[in-house]
Every structure is written in structure tokens, then in C-alpha cells.
Amino acid sequence: MAIVASNCYSNVTFRSLTAVVSALLKDGTPMPNLADGKPAITIKPSPEIAFGDLLPIGSDNSESTGEVLREIVIENNSPNSADYTLKIAYSYRAEFDFQGGDEFALGI
């Protein structure tokens, strides 16, 4: 599975974007572990995904782009089937770029 983070704004940078993916039962409760203590669903390589900085659209900086794709594997360890959903929690810092100006009358 692939998760894509993108920035559709021309004046906002999303800094240190991180997502955490978790599996929930259909009713929204966390997936219980198996009888041996192993998780029923494993997300690899890690449930915490770092996307870094997402620069504004049209940015010429080659260090990062406005879209980042990360691949994950969802491994079902349970012999039983169940309906579940994926929850994606995320955090970032937003940095806004503004340009402005003012005019005022000056009597000479």
C-alpha cells in the first residue's frame, strides 16, 4: 500500500510531517492482540511514517517536493477474518509565506 502526502498550497510549507497508521476494528476500537501476545495486524516497516517537509507548489527547491509517497505493508497475523479500518493520525508545523505592502499619504 502507498500513502501519499501532498501540499496543494503556494504559500504554505508543511514542516516535519509525520503520520502514524493504526488498525482499528469496524467499531473504532483498537485491534486486540492474538492469544500469544502478537499484534493481529502489523504495519511494516513501521507504523510511524516520516514525510519530512512538503514545500509549496511551484517551489524550485530540489531537496523536497510538494508530494511524497511512502510504501507500507499491512500484514494480517490472525487466522480469523475481521473487518477493520486504518486510522492515520498526523502532525506537522505550518509555515506561511506572506508578502505585503502599505501606502500612506505624505504632505510635503
PDB file of N, CA and C in Angstrom:
ATOM      1  N   MET A   1       0.854  -1.162   0.000  1.00  0.00           N
ATOM      2  CA  MET A   1       0.000   0.000   0.000  1.00  0.00           C
ATOM      3  C   MET A   1       0.905   1.231   0.000  1.00  0.00           C
ATOM      4  N   ALA A   2       0.443   2.288  -0.631  1.00  0.00           N
ATOM      5  CA  ALA A   2       1.202   3.533  -0.655  1.00  0.00           C
ATOM      6  C   ALA A   2       0.379   4.634  -0.007  1.00  0.00           C
ATOM      7  N   ILE A   3       1.048   5.462   0.760  1.00  0.00           N
ATOM      8  CA  ILE A   3       0.432   6.640   1.359  1.00  0.00           C
ATOM      9  C   ILE A   3       1.138   7.851   0.766  1.00  0.00           C
ATOM     10  N   VAL A   4       0.352   8.776   0.231  1.00  0.00           N
ATOM     11  CA  VAL A   4       0.903   9.969  -0.400  1.00  0.00           C
ATOM     12  C   VAL A   4       0.515  11.185   0.428  1.00  0.00           C
ATOM     13  N   ALA A   5       1.501  11.990   0.758  1.00  0.00           N
ATOM     14  CA  ALA A   5       1.264  13.279   1.416  1.00  0.00           C
ATOM     15  C   ALA A   5       1.559  14.343   0.369  1.00  0.00           C
ATOM     16  N   SER A   6       0.663  15.304   0.242  1.00  0.00           N
ATOM     17  CA  SER A   6       0.886  16.341  -0.758  1.00  0.00           C
ATOM     18  C   SER A   6       0.521  17.711  -0.215  1.00  0.00           C
ATOM     19  N   ASN A   7       1.110  18.721  -0.821  1.00  0.00           N
ATOM     20  CA  ASN A   7       0.870  20.108  -0.457  1.00  0.00           C
ATOM     21  C   ASN A   7       0.286  20.808  -1.681  1.00  0.00           C
ATOM     22  N   CYS A   8      -0.952  21.270  -1.588  1.00  0.00           N
ATOM     23  CA  CYS A   8      -1.603  21.924  -2.722  1.00  0.00           C
ATOM     24  C   CYS A   8      -1.579  23.448  -2.611  1.00  0.00           C
ATOM     25  N   TYR A   9      -0.831  23.985  -1.636  1.00  0.00           N
ATOM     26  CA  TYR A   9      -0.805  25.433  -1.412  1.00  0.00           C
ATOM     27  C   TYR A   9       0.453  26.057  -1.996  1.00  0.00           C
ATOM     28  N   SER A  10       0.360  27.309  -2.411  1.00  0.00           N
ATOM     29  CA  SER A  10       1.511  28.005  -2.990  1.00  0.00           C
ATOM     30  C   SER A  10       2.256  28.855  -1.969  1.00  0.00           C
ATOM     31  N   ASN A  11       1.682  29.025  -0.753  1.00  0.00           N
ATOM     32  CA  ASN A  11       2.338  29.895   0.234  1.00  0.00           C
ATOM     33  C   ASN A  11       2.477  29.231   1.611  1.00  0.00           C
ATOM     34  N   VAL A  12       2.355  27.894   1.673  1.00  0.00           N
ATOM     35  CA  VAL A  12       2.459  27.187   2.945  1.00  0.00           C
ATOM     36  C   VAL A  12       3.463  26.055   2.801  1.00  0.00           C
ATOM     37  N   THR A  13       4.350  25.927   3.787  1.00  0.00           N
ATOM     38  CA  THR A  13       5.251  24.784   3.874  1.00  0.00           C
ATOM     39  C   THR A  13       4.833  23.954   5.076  1.00  0.00           C
ATOM     40  N   PHE A  14       4.688  22.659   4.884  1.00  0.00           N
ATOM     41  CA  PHE A  14       4.400  21.756   5.988  1.00  0.00           C
ATOM     42  C   PHE A  14       5.721  21.161   6.445  1.00  0.00           C
ATOM     43  N   ARG A  15       6.114  21.470   7.665  1.00  0.00           N
ATOM     44  CA  ARG A  15       7.401  21.027   8.215  1.00  0.00           C
ATOM     45  C   ARG A  15       7.233  19.783   9.075  1.00  0.00           C
ATOM     46  N   SER A  16       8.178  18.853   8.927  1.00  0.00           N
ATOM     47  CA  SER A  16       8.268  17.647   9.763  1.00  0.00           C
ATOM     48  C   SER A  16       6.948  16.873   9.797  1.00  0.00           C
ATOM     49  N   LEU A  17       6.362  16.663   8.637  1.00  0.00           N
ATOM     50  CA  LEU A  17       5.107  15.919   8.565  1.00  0.00           C
ATOM     51  C   LEU A  17       5.351  14.460   8.939  1.00  0.00           C
ATOM     52  N   THR A  18       4.604  13.979   9.903  1.00  0.00           N
ATOM     53  CA  THR A  18       4.689  12.598  10.359  1.00  0.00           C
ATOM     54  C   THR A  18       3.278  12.031  10.446  1.00  0.00           C
ATOM     55  N   ALA A  19       3.121  10.788  10.011  1.00  0.00           N
ATOM     56  CA  ALA A  19       1.830  10.100  10.115  1.00  0.00           C
ATOM     57  C   ALA A  19       2.033   8.815  10.906  1.00  0.00           C
ATOM     58  N   VAL A  20       1.017   8.439  11.673  1.00  0.00           N
ATOM     59  CA  VAL A  20       1.029   7.176  12.406  1.00  0.00           C
ATOM     60  C   VAL A  20      -0.196   6.395  11.954  1.00  0.00           C
ATOM     61  N   VAL A  21       0.045   5.190  11.436  1.00  0.00           N
ATOM     62  CA  VAL A  21      -1.020   4.343  10.914  1.00  0.00           C
ATOM     63  C   VAL A  21      -1.331   3.259  11.940  1.00  0.00           C
ATOM     64  N   SER A  22      -2.607   3.072  12.220  1.00  0.00           N
ATOM     65  CA  SER A  22      -3.015   2.006  13.142  1.00  0.00           C
ATOM     66  C   SER A  22      -4.274   1.337  12.604  1.00  0.00           C
ATOM     67  N   ALA A  23      -4.435   0.058  12.949  1.00  0.00           N
ATOM     68  CA  ALA A  23      -5.608  -0.706  12.527  1.00  0.00           C
ATOM     69  C   ALA A  23      -6.638  -0.680  13.652  1.00  0.00           C
ATOM     70  N   LEU A  24      -7.875  -0.435  13.277  1.00  0.00           N
ATOM     71  CA  LEU A  24      -8.979  -0.418  14.232  1.00  0.00           C
ATOM     72  C   LEU A  24     -10.053  -1.388  13.766  1.00  0.00           C
ATOM     73  N   LEU A  25     -10.787  -1.920  14.722  1.00  0.00           N
ATOM     74  CA  LEU A  25     -11.950  -2.713  14.360  1.00  0.00           C
ATOM     75  C   LEU A  25     -12.998  -1.804  13.749  1.00  0.00           C
ATOM     76  N   LYS A  26     -13.973  -2.383  13.105  1.00  0.00           N
ATOM     77  CA  LYS A  26     -15.008  -1.608  12.426  1.00  0.00           C
ATOM     78  C   LYS A  26     -15.711  -0.628  13.364  1.00  0.00           C
ATOM     79  N   ASP A  27     -15.814  -0.978  14.663  1.00  0.00           N
ATOM     80  CA  ASP A  27     -16.487  -0.093  15.624  1.00  0.00           C
ATOM     81  C   ASP A  27     -15.569   0.998  16.182  1.00  0.00           C
ATOM     82  N   GLY A  28     -14.297   1.049  15.705  1.00  0.00           N
ATOM     83  CA  GLY A  28     -13.367   2.101  16.124  1.00  0.00           C
ATOM     84  C   GLY A  28     -12.459   1.741  17.278  1.00  0.00           C
ATOM     85  N   THR A  29     -12.578   0.555  17.840  1.00  0.00           N
ATOM     86  CA  THR A  29     -11.699   0.139  18.933  1.00  0.00           C
ATOM     87  C   THR A  29     -10.422  -0.460  18.359  1.00  0.00           C
ATOM     88  N   PRO A  30      -9.304  -0.364  19.092  1.00  0.00           N
ATOM     89  CA  PRO A  30      -8.049  -0.934  18.605  1.00  0.00           C
ATOM     90  C   PRO A  30      -8.139  -2.450  18.408  1.00  0.00           C
ATOM     91  N   MET A  31      -7.390  -2.941  17.437  1.00  0.00           N
ATOM     92  CA  MET A  31      -7.348  -4.384  17.190  1.00  0.00           C
ATOM     93  C   MET A  31      -6.720  -5.071  18.406  1.00  0.00           C
ATOM     94  N   PRO A  32      -7.379  -6.089  18.952  1.00  0.00           N
ATOM     95  CA  PRO A  32      -6.789  -6.800  20.080  1.00  0.00           C
ATOM     96  C   PRO A  32      -5.633  -7.684  19.608  1.00  0.00           C
ATOM     97  N   ASN A  33      -4.682  -7.920  20.504  1.00  0.00           N
ATOM     98  CA  ASN A  33      -3.582  -8.827  20.189  1.00  0.00           C
ATOM     99  C   ASN A  33      -4.097 -10.255  20.122  1.00  0.00           C
ATOM    100  N   LEU A  34      -3.306 -11.117  19.497  1.00  0.00           N
ATOM    101  CA  LEU A  34      -3.629 -12.532  19.435  1.00  0.00           C
ATOM    102  C   LEU A  34      -3.389 -13.167  20.808  1.00  0.00           C
ATOM    103  N   ALA A  35      -3.809 -14.392  20.970  1.00  0.00           N
ATOM    104  CA  ALA A  35      -3.673 -15.093  22.252  1.00  0.00           C
ATOM    105  C   ALA A  35      -2.217 -15.191  22.708  1.00  0.00           C
ATOM    106  N   ASP A  36      -1.272 -15.273  21.763  1.00  0.00           N
ATOM    107  CA  ASP A  36       0.147 -15.369  22.123  1.00  0.00           C
ATOM    108  C   ASP A  36       0.797 -14.009  22.359  1.00  0.00           C
ATOM    109  N   GLY A  37       0.008 -12.933  22.288  1.00  0.00           N
ATOM    110  CA  GLY A  37       0.525 -11.587  22.550  1.00  0.00           C
ATOM    111  C   GLY A  37       0.958 -10.828  21.305  1.00  0.00           C
ATOM    112  N   LYS A  38       1.050 -11.507  20.163  1.00  0.00           N
ATOM    113  CA  LYS A  38       1.438 -10.836  18.916  1.00  0.00           C
ATOM    114  C   LYS A  38       0.294  -9.942  18.435  1.00  0.00           C
ATOM    115  N   PRO A  39       0.633  -8.842  17.766  1.00  0.00           N
ATOM    116  CA  PRO A  39      -0.425  -7.999  17.210  1.00  0.00           C
ATOM    117  C   PRO A  39      -1.137  -8.722  16.062  1.00  0.00           C
ATOM    118  N   ALA A  40      -2.435  -8.526  15.948  1.00  0.00           N
ATOM    119  CA  ALA A  40      -3.210  -9.148  14.871  1.00  0.00           C
ATOM    120  C   ALA A  40      -2.863  -8.535  13.517  1.00  0.00           C
ATOM    121  N   ILE A  41      -2.547  -7.250  13.498  1.00  0.00           N
ATOM    122  CA  ILE A  41      -2.153  -6.528  12.284  1.00  0.00           C
ATOM    123  C   ILE A  41      -0.798  -5.869  12.538  1.00  0.00           C
ATOM    124  N   THR A  42       0.144  -6.099  11.634  1.00  0.00           N
ATOM    125  CA  THR A  42       1.459  -5.469  11.735  1.00  0.00           C
ATOM    126  C   THR A  42       1.638  -4.547  10.531  1.00  0.00           C
ATOM    127  N   ILE A  43       2.137  -3.348  10.790  1.00  0.00           N
ATOM    128  CA  ILE A  43       2.408  -2.391   9.722  1.00  0.00           C
ATOM    129  C   ILE A  43       3.917  -2.255   9.600  1.00  0.00           C
ATOM    130  N   LYS A  44       4.432  -2.545   8.395  1.00  0.00           N
ATOM    131  CA  LYS A  44       5.882  -2.553   8.169  1.00  0.00           C
ATOM    132  C   LYS A  44       6.239  -1.542   7.095  1.00  0.00           C
ATOM    133  N   PRO A  45       7.372  -0.900   7.152  1.00  0.00           N
ATOM    134  CA  PRO A  45       8.460  -1.119   8.094  1.00  0.00           C
ATOM    135  C   PRO A  45       8.183  -0.564   9.482  1.00  0.00           C
ATOM    136  N   SER A  46       7.254   0.407   9.584  1.00  0.00           N
ATOM    137  CA  SER A  46       6.915   0.981  10.883  1.00  0.00           C
ATOM    138  C   SER A  46       5.565   1.671  10.762  1.00  0.00           C
ATOM    139  N   PRO A  47       4.770   1.679  11.836  1.00  0.00           N
ATOM    140  CA  PRO A  47       3.512   2.423  11.764  1.00  0.00           C
ATOM    141  C   PRO A  47       3.715   3.940  11.764  1.00  0.00           C
ATOM    142  N   GLU A  48       4.900   4.397  12.185  1.00  0.00           N
ATOM    143  CA  GLU A  48       5.210   5.829  12.145  1.00  0.00           C
ATOM    144  C   GLU A  48       5.964   6.137  10.859  1.00  0.00           C
ATOM    145  N   ILE A  49       5.400   7.047  10.074  1.00  0.00           N
ATOM    146  CA  ILE A  49       5.940   7.358   8.753  1.00  0.00           C
ATOM    147  C   ILE A  49       6.364   8.819   8.716  1.00  0.00           C
ATOM    148  N   ALA A  50       7.624   9.065   8.393  1.00  0.00           N
ATOM    149  CA  ALA A  50       8.149  10.431   8.298  1.00  0.00           C
ATOM    150  C   ALA A  50       8.141  10.868   6.839  1.00  0.00           C
ATOM    151  N   PHE A  51       7.491  11.988   6.570  1.00  0.00           N
ATOM    152  CA  PHE A  51       7.439  12.537   5.221  1.00  0.00           C
ATOM    153  C   PHE A  51       8.390  13.716   5.046  1.00  0.00           C
ATOM    154  N   GLY A  52       8.896  14.257   6.140  1.00  0.00           N
ATOM    155  CA  GLY A  52       9.784  15.414   6.049  1.00  0.00           C
ATOM    156  C   GLY A  52       9.008  16.688   5.781  1.00  0.00           C
ATOM    157  N   ASP A  53       9.614  17.593   5.003  1.00  0.00           N
ATOM    158  CA  ASP A  53       8.998  18.879   4.692  1.00  0.00           C
ATOM    159  C   ASP A  53       8.304  18.806   3.337  1.00  0.00           C
ATOM    160  N   LEU A  54       7.101  19.340   3.260  1.00  0.00           N
ATOM    161  CA  LEU A  54       6.397  19.450   1.980  1.00  0.00           C
ATOM    162  C   LEU A  54       6.392  20.920   1.590  1.00  0.00           C
ATOM    163  N   LEU A  55       7.123  21.225   0.539  1.00  0.00           N
ATOM    164  CA  LEU A  55       7.257  22.610   0.097  1.00  0.00           C
ATOM    165  C   LEU A  55       6.035  23.052  -0.692  1.00  0.00           C
ATOM    166  N   PRO A  56       5.836  24.365  -0.825  1.00  0.00           N
ATOM    167  CA  PRO A  56       4.688  24.884  -1.586  1.00  0.00           C
ATOM    168  C   PRO A  56       4.753  24.476  -3.059  1.00  0.00           C
ATOM    169  N   ILE A  57       3.611  24.483  -3.701  1.00  0.00           N
ATOM    170  CA  ILE A  57       3.549  24.237  -5.152  1.00  0.00           C
ATOM    171  C   ILE A  57       4.386  25.292  -5.856  1.00  0.00           C
ATOM    172  N   GLY A  58       5.120  24.881  -6.853  1.00  0.00           N
ATOM    173  CA  GLY A  58       5.920  25.826  -7.631  1.00  0.00           C
ATOM    174  C   GLY A  58       7.268  26.131  -7.017  1.00  0.00           C
ATOM    175  N   SER A  59       7.610  25.506  -5.908  1.00  0.00           N
ATOM    176  CA  SER A  59       8.907  25.737  -5.283  1.00  0.00           C
ATOM    177  C   SER A  59       9.995  25.097  -6.132  1.00  0.00           C
ATOM    178  N   ASP A  60      11.113  25.803  -6.294  1.00  0.00           N
ATOM    179  CA  ASP A  60      12.213  25.289  -7.110  1.00  0.00           C
ATOM    180  C   ASP A  60      13.269  24.552  -6.286  1.00  0.00           C
ATOM    181  N   ASN A  61      13.016  24.353  -5.001  1.00  0.00           N
ATOM    182  CA  ASN A  61      13.981  23.690  -4.138  1.00  0.00           C
ATOM    183  C   ASN A  61      13.998  22.195  -4.454  1.00  0.00           C
ATOM    184  N   SER A  62      15.151  21.656  -4.829  1.00  0.00           N
ATOM    185  CA  SER A  62      15.246  20.250  -5.213  1.00  0.00           C
ATOM    186  C   SER A  62      15.341  19.313  -4.008  1.00  0.00           C
ATOM    187  N   GLU A  63      15.455  19.845  -2.793  1.00  0.00           N
ATOM    188  CA  GLU A  63      15.568  18.999  -1.608  1.00  0.00           C
ATOM    189  C   GLU A  63      14.251  18.331  -1.239  1.00  0.00           C
ATOM    190  N   SER A  64      13.144  18.901  -1.609  1.00  0.00           N
ATOM    191  CA  SER A  64      11.841  18.345  -1.287  1.00  0.00           C
ATOM    192  C   SER A  64      10.823  18.840  -2.301  1.00  0.00           C
ATOM    193  N   THR A  65       9.753  18.096  -2.451  1.00  0.00           N
ATOM    194  CA  THR A  65       8.707  18.496  -3.383  1.00  0.00           C
ATOM    195  C   THR A  65       7.401  18.638  -2.634  1.00  0.00           C
ATOM    196  N   GLY A  66       6.363  19.011  -3.339  1.00  0.00           N
ATOM    197  CA  GLY A  66       5.052  19.158  -2.741  1.00  0.00           C
ATOM    198  C   GLY A  66       4.323  17.844  -2.566  1.00  0.00           C
ATOM    199  N   GLU A  67       4.928  16.721  -2.972  1.00  0.00           N
ATOM    200  CA  GLU A  67       4.283  15.417  -2.851  1.00  0.00           C
ATOM    201  C   GLU A  67       5.324  14.359  -2.502  1.00  0.00           C
ATOM    202  N   VAL A  68       5.011  13.538  -1.498  1.00  0.00           N
ATOM    203  CA  VAL A  68       5.925  12.476  -1.067  1.00  0.00           C
ATOM    204  C   VAL A  68       5.125  11.188  -0.906  1.00  0.00           C
ATOM    205  N   LEU A  69       5.642  10.099  -1.463  1.00  0.00           N
ATOM    206  CA  LEU A  69       4.993   8.798  -1.388  1.00  0.00           C
ATOM    207  C   LEU A  69       5.808   7.879  -0.485  1.00  0.00           C
ATOM    208  N   ARG A  70       5.134   7.157   0.379  1.00  0.00           N
ATOM    209  CA  ARG A  70       5.777   6.159   1.244  1.00  0.00           C
ATOM    210  C   ARG A  70       5.004   4.851   1.108  1.00  0.00           C
ATOM    211  N   GLU A  71       5.729   3.757   0.953  1.00  0.00           N
ATOM    212  CA  GLU A  71       5.098   2.446   0.855  1.00  0.00           C
ATOM    213  C   GLU A  71       5.107   1.770   2.219  1.00  0.00           C
ATOM    214  N   ILE A  72       4.002   1.091   2.533  1.00  0.00           N
ATOM    215  CA  ILE A  72       3.928   0.292   3.748  1.00  0.00           C
ATOM    216  C   ILE A  72       3.317  -1.061   3.379  1.00  0.00           C
ATOM    217  N   VAL A  73       3.556  -2.041   4.234  1.00  0.00           N
ATOM    218  CA  VAL A  73       2.961  -3.363   4.091  1.00  0.00           C
ATOM    219  C   VAL A  73       2.084  -3.589   5.305  1.00  0.00           C
ATOM    220  N   ILE A  74       0.859  -4.032   5.059  1.00  0.00           N
ATOM    221  CA  ILE A  74      -0.061  -4.357   6.144  1.00  0.00           C
ATOM    222  C   ILE A  74      -0.139  -5.871   6.205  1.00  0.00           C
ATOM    223  N   GLU A  75       0.352  -6.422   7.301  1.00  0.00           N
ATOM    224  CA  GLU A  75       0.434  -7.875   7.450  1.00  0.00           C
ATOM    225  C   GLU A  75      -0.622  -8.350   8.439  1.00  0.00           C
ATOM    226  N   ASN A  76      -1.478  -9.248   7.983  1.00  0.00           N
ATOM    227  CA  ASN A  76      -2.515  -9.817   8.834  1.00  0.00           C
ATOM    228  C   ASN A  76      -1.955 -11.090   9.474  1.00  0.00           C
ATOM    229  N   ASN A  77      -1.805 -11.092  10.790  1.00  0.00           N
ATOM    230  CA  ASN A  77      -1.228 -12.228  11.508  1.00  0.00           C
ATOM    231  C   ASN A  77      -2.290 -13.156  12.087  1.00  0.00           C
ATOM    232  N   SER A  78      -3.547 -12.811  11.914  1.00  0.00           N
ATOM    233  CA  SER A  78      -4.637 -13.575  12.522  1.00  0.00           C
ATOM    234  C   SER A  78      -5.185 -14.609  11.549  1.00  0.00           C
ATOM    235  N   PRO A  79      -5.470 -15.814  12.036  1.00  0.00           N
ATOM    236  CA  PRO A  79      -6.091 -16.814  11.160  1.00  0.00           C
ATOM    237  C   PRO A  79      -7.578 -16.519  10.917  1.00  0.00           C
ATOM    238  N   ASN A  80      -8.142 -15.636  11.718  1.00  0.00           N
ATOM    239  CA  ASN A  80      -9.553 -15.278  11.597  1.00  0.00           C
ATOM    240  C   ASN A  80      -9.698 -14.001  10.771  1.00  0.00           C
ATOM    241  N   SER A  81     -10.774 -13.935  10.016  1.00  0.00           N
ATOM    242  CA  SER A  81     -11.016 -12.716   9.248  1.00  0.00           C
ATOM    243  C   SER A  81     -11.817 -11.736  10.102  1.00  0.00           C
ATOM    244  N   ALA A  82     -11.643 -10.474   9.813  1.00  0.00           N
ATOM    245  CA  ALA A  82     -12.377  -9.427  10.529  1.00  0.00           C
ATOM    246  C   ALA A  82     -12.406  -8.174   9.665  1.00  0.00           C
ATOM    247  N   ASP A  83     -13.444  -7.378   9.851  1.00  0.00           N
ATOM    248  CA  ASP A  83     -13.498  -6.084   9.186  1.00  0.00           C
ATOM    249  C   ASP A  83     -12.736  -5.081  10.035  1.00  0.00           C
ATOM    250  N   TYR A  84     -11.834  -4.334   9.414  1.00  0.00           N
ATOM    251  CA  TYR A  84     -11.098  -3.313  10.139  1.00  0.00           C
ATOM    252  C   TYR A  84     -10.882  -2.110   9.252  1.00  0.00           C
ATOM    253  N   THR A  85     -10.541  -1.008   9.886  1.00  0.00           N
ATOM    254  CA  THR A  85     -10.232   0.228   9.171  1.00  0.00           C
ATOM    255  C   THR A  85      -8.833   0.667   9.560  1.00  0.00           C
ATOM    256  N   LEU A  86      -8.257   1.513   8.748  1.00  0.00           N
ATOM    257  CA  LEU A  86      -6.959   2.098   9.069  1.00  0.00           C
ATOM    258  C   LEU A  86      -7.171   3.534   9.514  1.00  0.00           C
ATOM    259  N   LYS A  87      -6.564   3.879  10.622  1.00  0.00           N
ATOM    260  CA  LYS A  87      -6.595   5.246  11.122  1.00  0.00           C
ATOM    261  C   LYS A  87      -5.233   5.868  10.837  1.00  0.00           C
ATOM    262  N   ILE A  88      -5.239   7.069  10.300  1.00  0.00           N
ATOM    263  CA  ILE A  88      -3.994   7.786  10.041  1.00  0.00           C
ATOM    264  C   ILE A  88      -4.035   9.082  10.841  1.00  0.00           C
ATOM    265  N   ALA A  89      -3.210   9.142  11.866  1.00  0.00           N
ATOM    266  CA  ALA A  89      -3.058  10.364  12.665  1.00  0.00           C
ATOM    267  C   ALA A  89      -1.813  11.078  12.138  1.00  0.00           C
ATOM    268  N   TYR A  90      -1.831  12.395  12.121  1.00  0.00           N
ATOM    269  CA  TYR A  90      -0.682  13.121  11.565  1.00  0.00           C
ATOM    270  C   TYR A  90      -0.393  14.373  12.365  1.00  0.00           C
ATOM    271  N   SER A  91       0.842  14.820  12.224  1.00  0.00           N
ATOM    272  CA  SER A  91       1.252  16.077  12.857  1.00  0.00           C
ATOM    273  C   SER A  91       2.248  16.781  11.936  1.00  0.00           C
ATOM    274  N   TYR A  92       2.251  18.098  12.019  1.00  0.00           N
ATOM    275  CA  TYR A  92       3.155  18.925  11.222  1.00  0.00           C
ATOM    276  C   TYR A  92       3.173  20.335  11.790  1.00  0.00           C
ATOM    277  N   ARG A  93       4.143  21.121  11.335  1.00  0.00           N
ATOM    278  CA  ARG A  93       4.175  22.550  11.619  1.00  0.00           C
ATOM    279  C   ARG A  93       3.900  23.259  10.296  1.00  0.00           C
ATOM    280  N   ALA A  94       3.039  24.247  10.308  1.00  0.00           N
ATOM    281  CA  ALA A  94       2.737  25.004   9.095  1.00  0.00           C
ATOM    282  C   ALA A  94       3.516  26.317   9.122  1.00  0.00           C
ATOM    283  N   GLU A  95       4.162  26.602   8.027  1.00  0.00           N
ATOM    284  CA  GLU A  95       4.945  27.836   7.885  1.00  0.00           C
ATOM    285  C   GLU A  95       4.360  28.607   6.700  1.00  0.00           C
ATOM    286  N   PHE A  96       3.877  29.812   6.964  1.00  0.00           N
ATOM    287  CA  PHE A  96       3.228  30.623   5.944  1.00  0.00           C
ATOM    288  C   PHE A  96       4.179  31.688   5.428  1.00  0.00           C
ATOM    289  N   ASP A  97       4.161  31.903   4.105  1.00  0.00           N
ATOM    290  CA  ASP A  97       4.950  32.951   3.477  1.00  0.00           C
ATOM    291  C   ASP A  97       3.989  34.044   2.998  1.00  0.00           C
ATOM    292  N   PHE A  98       4.194  35.255   3.498  1.00  0.00           N
ATOM    293  CA  PHE A  98       3.341  36.373   3.120  1.00  0.00           C
ATOM    294  C   PHE A  98       4.188  37.479   2.515  1.00  0.00           C
ATOM    295  N   GLN A  99       3.601  38.173   1.543  1.00  0.00           N
ATOM    296  CA  GLN A  99       4.201  39.377   1.000  1.00  0.00           C
ATOM    297  C   GLN A  99       3.125  40.449   1.060  1.00  0.00           C
ATOM    298  N   GLY A 100       3.514  41.628   1.462  1.00  0.00           N
ATOM    299  CA  GLY A 100       2.529  42.702   1.571  1.00  0.00           C
ATOM    300  C   GLY A 100       3.191  44.055   1.455  1.00  0.00           C
ATOM    301  N   GLY A 101       2.394  45.051   1.538  1.00  0.00           N
ATOM    302  CA  GLY A 101       2.894  46.413   1.475  1.00  0.00           C
ATOM    303  C   GLY A 101       1.800  47.376   1.889  1.00  0.00           C
ATOM    304  N   ASP A 102       2.192  48.602   2.125  1.00  0.00           N
ATOM    305  CA  ASP A 102       1.234  49.628   2.525  1.00  0.00           C
ATOM    306  C   ASP A 102       1.603  50.949   1.843  1.00  0.00           C
ATOM    307  N   GLU A 103       0.634  51.782   1.694  1.00  0.00           N
ATOM    308  CA  GLU A 103       0.872  53.131   1.186  1.00  0.00           C
ATOM    309  C   GLU A 103       0.241  54.115   2.158  1.00  0.00           C
ATOM    310  N   PHE A 104       0.857  55.253   2.285  1.00  0.00           N
ATOM    311  CA  PHE A 104       0.270  56.299   3.128  1.00  0.00           C
ATOM    312  C   PHE A 104       0.579  57.654   2.498  1.00  0.00           C
ATOM    313  N   ALA A 105      -0.316  58.573   2.740  1.00  0.00           N
ATOM    314  CA  ALA A 105      -0.176  59.914   2.156  1.00  0.00           C
ATOM    315  C   ALA A 105       0.851  60.714   2.970  1.00  0.00           C
ATOM    316  N   LEU A 106       1.647  61.464   2.265  1.00  0.00           N
ATOM    317  CA  LEU A 106       2.658  62.286   2.910  1.00  0.00           C
ATOM    318  C   LEU A 106       2.564  63.683   2.310  1.00  0.00           C
ATOM    319  N   GLY A 107       2.257  64.623   3.130  1.00  0.00           N
ATOM    320  CA  GLY A 107       2.164  66.005   2.640  1.00  0.00           C
ATOM    321  C   GLY A 107       3.534  66.675   2.696  1.00  0.00           C
ATOM    322  N   ILE A 108       3.939  67.238   1.571  1.00  0.00           N
ATOM    323  CA  ILE A 108       5.230  67.916   1.530  1.00  0.00           C
ATOM    324  C   ILE A 108       5.045  69.356   1.171  1.00  0.00           C
TER     325      ILE A 108
END
